[in-house]
Amino acid sequence: MSTEVKAAGSGSRWKLSLDTWAVLAAFLAALLIRAGVFKHLPW
């Protein structure tokens, strides 16, 4: 019986978890608010 080892980075390079995308979106929103691009975001 043989086992195959798949490389962790064999998939798409930009395939990130949903949590990672949410954190990046929150940082981007905070940066835009801090820069004055948006005065208020209606959450």
C-alpha atoms as a PDB file:
ATOM      1  CA  MET A   1       0.000   0.000   0.000  1.00  0.00           C
ATOM      2  CA  SER A   2       1.509   3.317  -1.036  1.00  0.00           C
ATOM      3  CA  THR A   3       0.585   6.771   0.119  1.00  0.00           C
ATOM      4  CA  GLU A   4       0.863   9.950  -1.892  1.00  0.00           C
ATOM      5  CA  VAL A   5       1.972  13.168  -0.308  1.00  0.00           C
ATOM      6  CA  LYS A   6       0.419  16.261  -1.821  1.00  0.00           C
ATOM      7  CA  ALA A   7       2.253  19.533  -1.586  1.00  0.00           C
ATOM      8  CA  ALA A   8       0.492  22.151   0.527  1.00  0.00           C
ATOM      9  CA  GLY A   9       1.138  24.887  -2.021  1.00  0.00           C
ATOM     10  CA  SER A  10       0.154  22.907  -5.081  1.00  0.00           C
ATOM     11  CA  GLY A  11      -3.185  24.733  -5.447  1.00  0.00           C
ATOM     12  CA  SER A  12      -3.852  28.291  -6.386  1.00  0.00           C
ATOM     13  CA  ARG A  13      -1.510  30.786  -4.828  1.00  0.00           C
ATOM     14  CA  TRP A  14      -4.322  33.189  -3.917  1.00  0.00           C
ATOM     15  CA  LYS A  15      -6.550  30.569  -2.265  1.00  0.00           C
ATOM     16  CA  LEU A  16      -6.955  31.968   1.237  1.00  0.00           C
ATOM     17  CA  SER A  17      -9.477  31.063   3.883  1.00  0.00           C
ATOM     18  CA  LEU A  18     -12.662  33.062   4.346  1.00  0.00           C
ATOM     19  CA  ASP A  19     -11.398  34.288   7.715  1.00  0.00           C
ATOM     20  CA  THR A  20      -8.252  35.669   6.093  1.00  0.00           C
ATOM     21  CA  TRP A  21     -10.276  37.549   3.467  1.00  0.00           C
ATOM     22  CA  ALA A  22     -12.538  38.981   6.206  1.00  0.00           C
ATOM     23  CA  VAL A  23      -9.560  40.240   8.206  1.00  0.00           C
ATOM     24  CA  LEU A  24      -7.991  41.795   5.090  1.00  0.00           C
ATOM     25  CA  ALA A  25     -11.280  43.517   4.225  1.00  0.00           C
ATOM     26  CA  ALA A  26     -11.550  44.883   7.782  1.00  0.00           C
ATOM     27  CA  PHE A  27      -7.990  46.233   7.661  1.00  0.00           C
ATOM     28  CA  LEU A  28      -8.657  47.830   4.277  1.00  0.00           C
ATOM     29  CA  ALA A  29     -11.853  49.446   5.554  1.00  0.00           C
ATOM     30  CA  ALA A  30     -10.049  50.742   8.653  1.00  0.00           C
ATOM     31  CA  LEU A  31      -7.269  52.156   6.508  1.00  0.00           C
ATOM     32  CA  LEU A  32      -9.704  53.932   4.181  1.00  0.00           C
ATOM     33  CA  ILE A  33     -11.629  55.377   7.130  1.00  0.00           C
ATOM     34  CA  ARG A  34      -8.395  56.500   8.798  1.00  0.00           C
ATOM     35  CA  ALA A  35      -7.235  58.126   5.543  1.00  0.00           C
ATOM     36  CA  GLY A  36     -10.516  60.044   5.318  1.00  0.00           C
ATOM     37  CA  VAL A  37     -11.793  58.379   2.149  1.00  0.00           C
ATOM     38  CA  PHE A  38     -14.921  57.259   4.004  1.00  0.00           C
ATOM     39  CA  LYS A  39     -16.399  59.188   6.910  1.00  0.00           C
ATOM     40  CA  HIS A  40     -18.682  56.383   8.031  1.00  0.00           C
ATOM     41  CA  LEU A  41     -19.509  52.861   6.867  1.00  0.00           C
ATOM     42  CA  PRO A  42     -23.061  51.704   7.542  1.00  0.00           C
ATOM     43  CA  TRP A  43     -22.445  48.238   8.978  1.00  0.00           C
END
